[in-house]
Amino acid sequence: MSLKEKIDKNHLPQHVAIIMDGNGRWAKSKGKDRSHGHQEGVVAVRKTIEAATAIGLKYVTVYTFSNENWNRPEEEVLALMELLVTAIHRETPDLMKNNVRLLAIGNLKRLPQKAYDTLADCIKQTSQNTGTTLILALSYSSKWELTEAAKQIAQDAVDKKINPNDITEAVVSDHLTTKGIPDPDLLVRTGGEKRISNFLLWQMSYTEFYFIDTFWPDFREEELYDAILYFQQRERRFGKTSEQLNL
């Protein structure tokens, strides 16, 4: 029986978040420069989304570029932005063919205009697709997101749009870039590191974590399905006891 056949389609994670780590180390191991690793990383995204759509995953968020990544060497940042534009142009027809909707979260205004416009155009083109939703976390960090939410809520309080006593977890969630998107059920991080790197801190309060040594460019459907099978073996208690869940 294949890994795909072992998956219980009635117990899928609704939302899988992925930290795509290891492009640079993968390239170094091949004797190539970092840009080659990033290019192969795009292939891994395509293969992962194909695998996700094949089993009916609803949401996949990939940590594409963090706010902290702006501090990398300028040459690498420019190359990544060009790769983003090229990849979106190249992948849009497949997104349409596979009924995939594209969204993006993060400080998108910081993107170069060409990258921003290309992204916005693809989001518009795929907006009516009803299959898997692919979310690119671009120019994103959770601390930035929470800070922006705090500013907006504070301004709403100053403007008398909300009473401070009425600020709830739901209110905070509604001021995040992920508004309307379910919290991740499963986080997958490739590359062997075991940290979450300022990614979806609010949203991952009850997320199951799955860490693997595989570098991102080598990630394929087998790795995704392994992660989902791991998730399906977990008992998600959300603060309750096992006995309460079995009542």
C-alpha atoms as a PDB file:
ATOM      1  CA  MET A   1       0.000   0.000   0.000  1.00  0.00           C
ATOM      2  CA  SER A   2       1.384   3.418  -0.954  1.00  0.00           C
ATOM      3  CA  LEU A   3       1.730   6.300   1.503  1.00  0.00           C
ATOM      4  CA  LYS A   4      -1.091   8.072  -0.303  1.00  0.00           C
ATOM      5  CA  GLU A   5      -3.361   5.058   0.135  1.00  0.00           C
ATOM      6  CA  LYS A   6      -2.581   4.907   3.859  1.00  0.00           C
ATOM      7  CA  ILE A   7      -3.876   8.433   4.445  1.00  0.00           C
ATOM      8  CA  ASP A   8      -7.309   8.732   6.033  1.00  0.00           C
ATOM      9  CA  LYS A   9      -9.092  11.252   3.806  1.00  0.00           C
ATOM     10  CA  ASN A  10     -11.606  11.875   6.603  1.00  0.00           C
ATOM     11  CA  HIS A  11      -8.884  12.996   9.019  1.00  0.00           C
ATOM     12  CA  LEU A  12      -6.813  15.391   6.943  1.00  0.00           C
ATOM     13  CA  PRO A  13      -5.280  18.525   8.422  1.00  0.00           C
ATOM     14  CA  GLN A  14      -7.281  21.432   7.082  1.00  0.00           C
ATOM     15  CA  HIS A  15      -4.225  23.670   6.950  1.00  0.00           C
ATOM     16  CA  VAL A  16      -0.564  22.670   6.571  1.00  0.00           C
ATOM     17  CA  ALA A  17       2.123  25.320   7.115  1.00  0.00           C
ATOM     18  CA  ILE A  18       5.636  24.712   5.804  1.00  0.00           C
ATOM     19  CA  ILE A  19       8.977  26.311   6.669  1.00  0.00           C
ATOM     20  CA  MET A  20      10.995  25.609   3.536  1.00  0.00           C
ATOM     21  CA  ASP A  21      14.509  25.405   4.951  1.00  0.00           C
ATOM     22  CA  GLY A  22      17.727  24.137   3.417  1.00  0.00           C
ATOM     23  CA  ASN A  23      17.916  25.594  -0.096  1.00  0.00           C
ATOM     24  CA  GLY A  24      21.367  27.074   0.477  1.00  0.00           C
ATOM     25  CA  ARG A  25      22.783  24.011   2.210  1.00  0.00           C
ATOM     26  CA  TRP A  26      21.342  21.762  -0.498  1.00  0.00           C
ATOM     27  CA  ALA A  27      23.057  23.860  -3.179  1.00  0.00           C
ATOM     28  CA  LYS A  28      26.353  23.829  -1.277  1.00  0.00           C
ATOM     29  CA  SER A  29      26.211  20.039  -1.013  1.00  0.00           C
ATOM     30  CA  LYS A  30      25.885  19.928  -4.815  1.00  0.00           C
ATOM     31  CA  GLY A  31      28.772  22.338  -5.367  1.00  0.00           C
ATOM     32  CA  LYS A  32      26.429  25.017  -6.717  1.00  0.00           C
ATOM     33  CA  ASP A  33      25.571  28.553  -5.622  1.00  0.00           C
ATOM     34  CA  ARG A  34      22.590  29.426  -3.425  1.00  0.00           C
ATOM     35  CA  SER A  35      20.486  30.665  -6.339  1.00  0.00           C
ATOM     36  CA  HIS A  36      20.385  27.142  -7.750  1.00  0.00           C
ATOM     37  CA  GLY A  37      18.991  25.909  -4.448  1.00  0.00           C
ATOM     38  CA  HIS A  38      16.238  28.517  -4.544  1.00  0.00           C
ATOM     39  CA  GLN A  39      15.352  27.562  -8.126  1.00  0.00           C
ATOM     40  CA  GLU A  40      15.047  23.916  -7.161  1.00  0.00           C
ATOM     41  CA  GLY A  41      13.002  25.020  -4.161  1.00  0.00           C
ATOM     42  CA  VAL A  42      10.357  26.337  -6.564  1.00  0.00           C
ATOM     43  CA  VAL A  43      10.135  22.861  -8.096  1.00  0.00           C
ATOM     44  CA  ALA A  44       9.565  21.436  -4.620  1.00  0.00           C
ATOM     45  CA  VAL A  45       6.700  23.883  -4.050  1.00  0.00           C
ATOM     46  CA  ARG A  46       5.085  22.785  -7.308  1.00  0.00           C
ATOM     47  CA  LYS A  47       5.413  19.093  -6.441  1.00  0.00           C
ATOM     48  CA  THR A  48       4.100  19.693  -2.930  1.00  0.00           C
ATOM     49  CA  ILE A  49       1.011  21.527  -4.152  1.00  0.00           C
ATOM     50  CA  GLU A  50       0.341  18.811  -6.715  1.00  0.00           C
ATOM     51  CA  ALA A  51       0.497  16.253  -3.895  1.00  0.00           C
ATOM     52  CA  ALA A  52      -1.711  18.427  -1.690  1.00  0.00           C
ATOM     53  CA  THR A  53      -4.390  18.774  -4.351  1.00  0.00           C
ATOM     54  CA  ALA A  54      -4.273  15.031  -5.035  1.00  0.00           C
ATOM     55  CA  ILE A  55      -5.547  14.271  -1.526  1.00  0.00           C
ATOM     56  CA  GLY A  56      -7.736  17.337  -1.062  1.00  0.00           C
ATOM     57  CA  LEU A  57      -5.793  19.538   1.360  1.00  0.00           C
ATOM     58  CA  LYS A  58      -7.630  22.838   1.730  1.00  0.00           C
ATOM     59  CA  TYR A  59      -4.820  25.226   2.758  1.00  0.00           C
ATOM     60  CA  VAL A  60      -1.040  25.149   2.403  1.00  0.00           C
ATOM     61  CA  THR A  61       1.046  28.092   3.623  1.00  0.00           C
ATOM     62  CA  VAL A  62       4.714  28.238   2.645  1.00  0.00           C
ATOM     63  CA  TYR A  63       7.167  30.555   4.407  1.00  0.00           C
ATOM     64  CA  THR A  64       8.580  32.076   1.253  1.00  0.00           C
ATOM     65  CA  PHE A  65      10.468  35.169   2.438  1.00  0.00           C
ATOM     66  CA  SER A  66      10.646  36.570   5.956  1.00  0.00           C
ATOM     67  CA  ASN A  67      11.015  40.180   7.036  1.00  0.00           C
ATOM     68  CA  GLU A  68      14.433  39.198   8.351  1.00  0.00           C
ATOM     69  CA  ASN A  69      15.435  37.953   4.893  1.00  0.00           C
ATOM     70  CA  TRP A  70      15.616  41.565   3.717  1.00  0.00           C
ATOM     71  CA  ASN A  71      18.883  41.685   5.684  1.00  0.00           C
ATOM     72  CA  ARG A  72      20.551  39.154   3.398  1.00  0.00           C
ATOM     73  CA  PRO A  73      23.115  40.341   0.822  1.00  0.00           C
ATOM     74  CA  GLU A  74      21.458  42.680  -1.674  1.00  0.00           C
ATOM     75  CA  GLU A  75      22.450  40.507  -4.616  1.00  0.00           C
ATOM     76  CA  GLU A  76      20.689  37.486  -3.120  1.00  0.00           C
ATOM     77  CA  VAL A  77      17.557  39.491  -2.261  1.00  0.00           C
ATOM     78  CA  LEU A  78      17.314  40.874  -5.800  1.00  0.00           C
ATOM     79  CA  ALA A  79      17.769  37.379  -7.224  1.00  0.00           C
ATOM     80  CA  LEU A  80      15.003  36.047  -4.966  1.00  0.00           C
ATOM     81  CA  MET A  81      12.619  38.789  -6.060  1.00  0.00           C
ATOM     82  CA  GLU A  82      13.364  38.062  -9.717  1.00  0.00           C
ATOM     83  CA  LEU A  83      12.833  34.367  -9.056  1.00  0.00           C
ATOM     84  CA  LEU A  84       9.488  35.185  -7.441  1.00  0.00           C
ATOM     85  CA  VAL A  85       8.360  37.032 -10.569  1.00  0.00           C
ATOM     86  CA  THR A  86       9.593  34.300 -12.905  1.00  0.00           C
ATOM     87  CA  ALA A  87       8.076  31.511 -10.825  1.00  0.00           C
ATOM     88  CA  ILE A  88       4.658  33.160 -10.589  1.00  0.00           C
ATOM     89  CA  HIS A  89       4.553  33.751 -14.350  1.00  0.00           C
ATOM     90  CA  ARG A  90       5.586  30.167 -15.021  1.00  0.00           C
ATOM     91  CA  GLU A  91       3.331  28.507 -12.452  1.00  0.00           C
ATOM     92  CA  THR A  92       0.104  30.487 -12.973  1.00  0.00           C
ATOM     93  CA  PRO A  93      -1.161  28.247 -15.826  1.00  0.00           C
ATOM     94  CA  ASP A  94      -0.689  25.152 -13.646  1.00  0.00           C
ATOM     95  CA  LEU A  95      -2.427  26.834 -10.723  1.00  0.00           C
ATOM     96  CA  MET A  96      -5.379  27.496 -12.982  1.00  0.00           C
ATOM     97  CA  LYS A  97      -5.340  23.965 -14.415  1.00  0.00           C
ATOM     98  CA  ASN A  98      -5.219  22.428 -10.926  1.00  0.00           C
ATOM     99  CA  ASN A  99      -7.918  24.758  -9.507  1.00  0.00           C
ATOM    100  CA  VAL A 100      -5.474  26.242  -6.961  1.00  0.00           C
ATOM    101  CA  ARG A 101      -6.186  29.640  -5.449  1.00  0.00           C
ATOM    102  CA  LEU A 102      -3.207  31.849  -4.559  1.00  0.00           C
ATOM    103  CA  LEU A 103      -3.122  34.213  -1.578  1.00  0.00           C
ATOM    104  CA  ALA A 104      -0.290  36.087   0.126  1.00  0.00           C
ATOM    105  CA  ILE A 105       0.288  37.355   3.663  1.00  0.00           C
ATOM    106  CA  GLY A 106       2.916  39.743   4.968  1.00  0.00           C
ATOM    107  CA  ASN A 107       4.195  43.261   4.485  1.00  0.00           C
ATOM    108  CA  LEU A 108       3.571  43.099   0.749  1.00  0.00           C
ATOM    109  CA  LYS A 109       4.036  46.841   0.249  1.00  0.00           C
ATOM    110  CA  ARG A 110       7.739  46.265   0.819  1.00  0.00           C
ATOM    111  CA  LEU A 111       8.026  44.089  -2.289  1.00  0.00           C
ATOM    112  CA  PRO A 112       9.518  45.609  -5.451  1.00  0.00           C
ATOM    113  CA  GLN A 113       6.743  46.969  -7.675  1.00  0.00           C
ATOM    114  CA  LYS A 114       7.243  44.342 -10.369  1.00  0.00           C
ATOM    115  CA  ALA A 115       7.011  41.523  -7.828  1.00  0.00           C
ATOM    116  CA  TYR A 116       3.977  43.095  -6.163  1.00  0.00           C
ATOM    117  CA  ASP A 117       2.134  43.569  -9.463  1.00  0.00           C
ATOM    118  CA  THR A 118       2.925  40.044 -10.660  1.00  0.00           C
ATOM    119  CA  LEU A 119       1.722  38.587  -7.375  1.00  0.00           C
ATOM    120  CA  ALA A 120      -1.460  40.678  -7.384  1.00  0.00           C
ATOM    121  CA  ASP A 121      -2.242  39.627 -10.950  1.00  0.00           C
ATOM    122  CA  CYS A 122      -1.914  35.914 -10.117  1.00  0.00           C
ATOM    123  CA  ILE A 123      -4.045  36.310  -6.997  1.00  0.00           C
ATOM    124  CA  LYS A 124      -6.739  37.957  -9.126  1.00  0.00           C
ATOM    125  CA  GLN A 125      -6.538  35.304 -11.854  1.00  0.00           C
ATOM    126  CA  THR A 126      -6.896  32.428  -9.392  1.00  0.00           C
ATOM    127  CA  SER A 127      -9.416  34.074  -7.064  1.00  0.00           C
ATOM    128  CA  GLN A 128     -12.357  31.974  -8.265  1.00  0.00           C
ATOM    129  CA  ASN A 129     -10.540  28.638  -7.984  1.00  0.00           C
ATOM    130  CA  THR A 130     -12.070  26.320  -5.402  1.00  0.00           C
ATOM    131  CA  GLY A 131      -9.415  23.663  -4.771  1.00  0.00           C
ATOM    132  CA  THR A 132      -6.345  23.964  -2.562  1.00  0.00           C
ATOM    133  CA  THR A 133      -5.471  27.480  -1.398  1.00  0.00           C
ATOM    134  CA  LEU A 134      -1.728  28.161  -1.600  1.00  0.00           C
ATOM    135  CA  ILE A 135      -0.668  30.987   0.708  1.00  0.00           C
ATOM    136  CA  LEU A 136       2.717  32.642   0.245  1.00  0.00           C
ATOM    137  CA  ALA A 137       4.092  34.212   3.431  1.00  0.00           C
ATOM    138  CA  LEU A 138       6.111  37.013   1.835  1.00  0.00           C
ATOM    139  CA  SER A 139       7.963  39.760   3.658  1.00  0.00           C
ATOM    140  CA  TYR A 140       6.324  38.201   6.692  1.00  0.00           C
ATOM    141  CA  SER A 141       7.153  37.878  10.356  1.00  0.00           C
ATOM    142  CA  SER A 142       4.795  37.095  13.185  1.00  0.00           C
ATOM    143  CA  LYS A 143       6.115  39.853  15.451  1.00  0.00           C
ATOM    144  CA  TRP A 144       5.530  42.380  12.661  1.00  0.00           C
ATOM    145  CA  GLU A 145       2.011  41.013  12.145  1.00  0.00           C
ATOM    146  CA  LEU A 146       1.126  41.172  15.844  1.00  0.00           C
ATOM    147  CA  THR A 147       2.589  44.669  16.162  1.00  0.00           C
ATOM    148  CA  GLU A 148       0.494  45.881  13.229  1.00  0.00           C
ATOM    149  CA  ALA A 149      -2.608  44.274  14.721  1.00  0.00           C
ATOM    150  CA  ALA A 150      -1.947  45.981  18.058  1.00  0.00           C
ATOM    151  CA  LYS A 151      -1.621  49.348  16.307  1.00  0.00           C
ATOM    152  CA  GLN A 152      -4.901  48.860  14.444  1.00  0.00           C
ATOM    153  CA  ILE A 153      -6.789  47.771  17.544  1.00  0.00           C
ATOM    154  CA  ALA A 154      -5.353  50.673  19.545  1.00  0.00           C
ATOM    155  CA  GLN A 155      -6.439  53.116  16.848  1.00  0.00           C
ATOM    156  CA  ASP A 156      -9.920  51.573  16.809  1.00  0.00           C
ATOM    157  CA  ALA A 157     -10.097  52.107  20.569  1.00  0.00           C
ATOM    158  CA  VAL A 158      -8.981  55.738  20.207  1.00  0.00           C
ATOM    159  CA  ASP A 159     -11.617  56.248  17.501  1.00  0.00           C
ATOM    160  CA  LYS A 160     -14.266  54.724  19.791  1.00  0.00           C
ATOM    161  CA  LYS A 161     -14.872  51.907  17.306  1.00  0.00           C
ATOM    162  CA  ILE A 162     -14.217  49.335  20.016  1.00  0.00           C
ATOM    163  CA  ASN A 163     -14.302  49.277  23.798  1.00  0.00           C
ATOM    164  CA  PRO A 164     -10.996  47.970  25.231  1.00  0.00           C
ATOM    165  CA  ASN A 165     -13.004  45.600  27.421  1.00  0.00           C
ATOM    166  CA  ASP A 166     -14.428  44.035  24.261  1.00  0.00           C
ATOM    167  CA  ILE A 167     -11.018  43.088  22.844  1.00  0.00           C
ATOM    168  CA  THR A 168     -10.965  39.285  22.627  1.00  0.00           C
ATOM    169  CA  GLU A 169      -8.833  36.648  20.942  1.00  0.00           C
ATOM    170  CA  ALA A 170     -11.295  36.752  18.043  1.00  0.00           C
ATOM    171  CA  VAL A 171     -10.792  40.508  17.687  1.00  0.00           C
ATOM    172  CA  VAL A 172      -7.023  40.051  17.537  1.00  0.00           C
ATOM    173  CA  SER A 173      -7.381  37.245  14.977  1.00  0.00           C
ATOM    174  CA  ASP A 174      -9.565  39.482  12.817  1.00  0.00           C
ATOM    175  CA  HIS A 175      -6.762  42.059  12.668  1.00  0.00           C
ATOM    176  CA  LEU A 176      -4.126  39.595  11.450  1.00  0.00           C
ATOM    177  CA  THR A 177      -3.147  39.018   7.824  1.00  0.00           C
ATOM    178  CA  THR A 178      -4.562  35.503   8.149  1.00  0.00           C
ATOM    179  CA  LYS A 179      -8.120  36.702   8.821  1.00  0.00           C
ATOM    180  CA  GLY A 180     -10.570  34.167   7.434  1.00  0.00           C
ATOM    181  CA  ILE A 181      -7.934  31.430   7.154  1.00  0.00           C
ATOM    182  CA  PRO A 182      -8.083  28.515   9.622  1.00  0.00           C
ATOM    183  CA  ASP A 183      -5.134  28.104  11.974  1.00  0.00           C
ATOM    184  CA  PRO A 184      -2.562  25.520  10.848  1.00  0.00           C
ATOM    185  CA  ASP A 185      -3.159  22.003  12.095  1.00  0.00           C
ATOM    186  CA  LEU A 186       0.310  20.855  11.059  1.00  0.00           C
ATOM    187  CA  LEU A 187       3.662  22.610  10.693  1.00  0.00           C
ATOM    188  CA  VAL A 188       6.356  20.945   8.604  1.00  0.00           C
ATOM    189  CA  ARG A 189       9.918  22.241   8.757  1.00  0.00           C
ATOM    190  CA  THR A 190      12.595  20.841   6.484  1.00  0.00           C
ATOM    191  CA  GLY A 191      16.368  21.105   6.811  1.00  0.00           C
ATOM    192  CA  GLY A 192      16.861  19.641  10.278  1.00  0.00           C
ATOM    193  CA  GLU A 193      16.351  22.782  12.363  1.00  0.00           C
ATOM    194  CA  LYS A 194      13.838  22.691  15.221  1.00  0.00           C
ATOM    195  CA  ARG A 195      12.475  26.210  15.584  1.00  0.00           C
ATOM    196  CA  ILE A 196       9.593  28.194  14.137  1.00  0.00           C
ATOM    197  CA  SER A 197      11.514  31.319  13.104  1.00  0.00           C
ATOM    198  CA  ASN A 198       8.946  34.041  13.803  1.00  0.00           C
ATOM    199  CA  PHE A 199       6.280  32.256  11.743  1.00  0.00           C
ATOM    200  CA  LEU A 200       2.553  32.292  12.609  1.00  0.00           C
ATOM    201  CA  LEU A 201       3.205  32.489  16.350  1.00  0.00           C
ATOM    202  CA  TRP A 202      -0.385  33.428  17.231  1.00  0.00           C
ATOM    203  CA  GLN A 203      -1.923  30.949  14.827  1.00  0.00           C
ATOM    204  CA  MET A 204       0.145  27.912  15.879  1.00  0.00           C
ATOM    205  CA  SER A 205      -0.898  27.685  19.523  1.00  0.00           C
ATOM    206  CA  TYR A 206      -2.227  24.137  19.003  1.00  0.00           C
ATOM    207  CA  THR A 207      -0.421  23.141  15.828  1.00  0.00           C
ATOM    208  CA  GLU A 208       1.329  19.764  15.586  1.00  0.00           C
ATOM    209  CA  PHE A 209       5.029  20.136  14.665  1.00  0.00           C
ATOM    210  CA  TYR A 210       6.879  17.830  12.270  1.00  0.00           C
ATOM    211  CA  PHE A 211      10.617  18.341  11.728  1.00  0.00           C
ATOM    212  CA  ILE A 212      12.628  16.464   9.103  1.00  0.00           C
ATOM    213  CA  ASP A 213      16.264  16.550   7.984  1.00  0.00           C
ATOM    214  CA  THR A 214      15.397  16.592   4.275  1.00  0.00           C
ATOM    215  CA  PHE A 215      16.457  19.820   2.576  1.00  0.00           C
ATOM    216  CA  TRP A 216      13.565  21.642   0.925  1.00  0.00           C
ATOM    217  CA  PRO A 217      14.633  21.050  -2.719  1.00  0.00           C
ATOM    218  CA  ASP A 218      14.372  17.291  -2.084  1.00  0.00           C
ATOM    219  CA  PHE A 219      10.873  17.520  -0.558  1.00  0.00           C
ATOM    220  CA  ARG A 220       8.290  15.592  -2.563  1.00  0.00           C
ATOM    221  CA  GLU A 221       4.906  13.935  -2.113  1.00  0.00           C
ATOM    222  CA  GLU A 222       6.392  11.110  -0.021  1.00  0.00           C
ATOM    223  CA  GLU A 223       7.656  13.591   2.567  1.00  0.00           C
ATOM    224  CA  LEU A 224       4.331  15.436   2.631  1.00  0.00           C
ATOM    225  CA  TYR A 225       2.357  12.233   3.028  1.00  0.00           C
ATOM    226  CA  ASP A 226       4.716  11.023   5.769  1.00  0.00           C
ATOM    227  CA  ALA A 227       4.029  14.257   7.643  1.00  0.00           C
ATOM    228  CA  ILE A 228       0.277  13.826   7.261  1.00  0.00           C
ATOM    229  CA  LEU A 229       0.442  10.227   8.480  1.00  0.00           C
ATOM    230  CA  TYR A 230       2.360  11.482  11.524  1.00  0.00           C
ATOM    231  CA  PHE A 231      -0.371  14.063  12.109  1.00  0.00           C
ATOM    232  CA  GLN A 232      -3.052  11.397  11.880  1.00  0.00           C
ATOM    233  CA  GLN A 233      -1.365   9.441  14.672  1.00  0.00           C
ATOM    234  CA  ARG A 234      -1.425  12.399  17.037  1.00  0.00           C
ATOM    235  CA  GLU A 235      -4.058  12.911  19.728  1.00  0.00           C
ATOM    236  CA  ARG A 236      -5.071  16.559  19.597  1.00  0.00           C
ATOM    237  CA  ARG A 237      -6.407  17.430  23.036  1.00  0.00           C
ATOM    238  CA  PHE A 238      -6.590  21.258  22.919  1.00  0.00           C
ATOM    239  CA  GLY A 239      -6.109  21.420  26.701  1.00  0.00           C
ATOM    240  CA  LYS A 240      -8.458  18.561  27.507  1.00  0.00           C
ATOM    241  CA  THR A 241      -7.588  15.087  28.799  1.00  0.00           C
ATOM    242  CA  SER A 242      -7.672  11.910  26.745  1.00  0.00           C
ATOM    243  CA  GLU A 243     -10.596  10.741  28.833  1.00  0.00           C
ATOM    244  CA  GLN A 244     -12.606  13.842  27.962  1.00  0.00           C
ATOM    245  CA  LEU A 245     -11.974  13.323  24.265  1.00  0.00           C
ATOM    246  CA  ASN A 246     -13.218   9.752  24.461  1.00  0.00           C
ATOM    247  CA  LEU A 247     -16.518  10.596  26.167  1.00  0.00           C
END
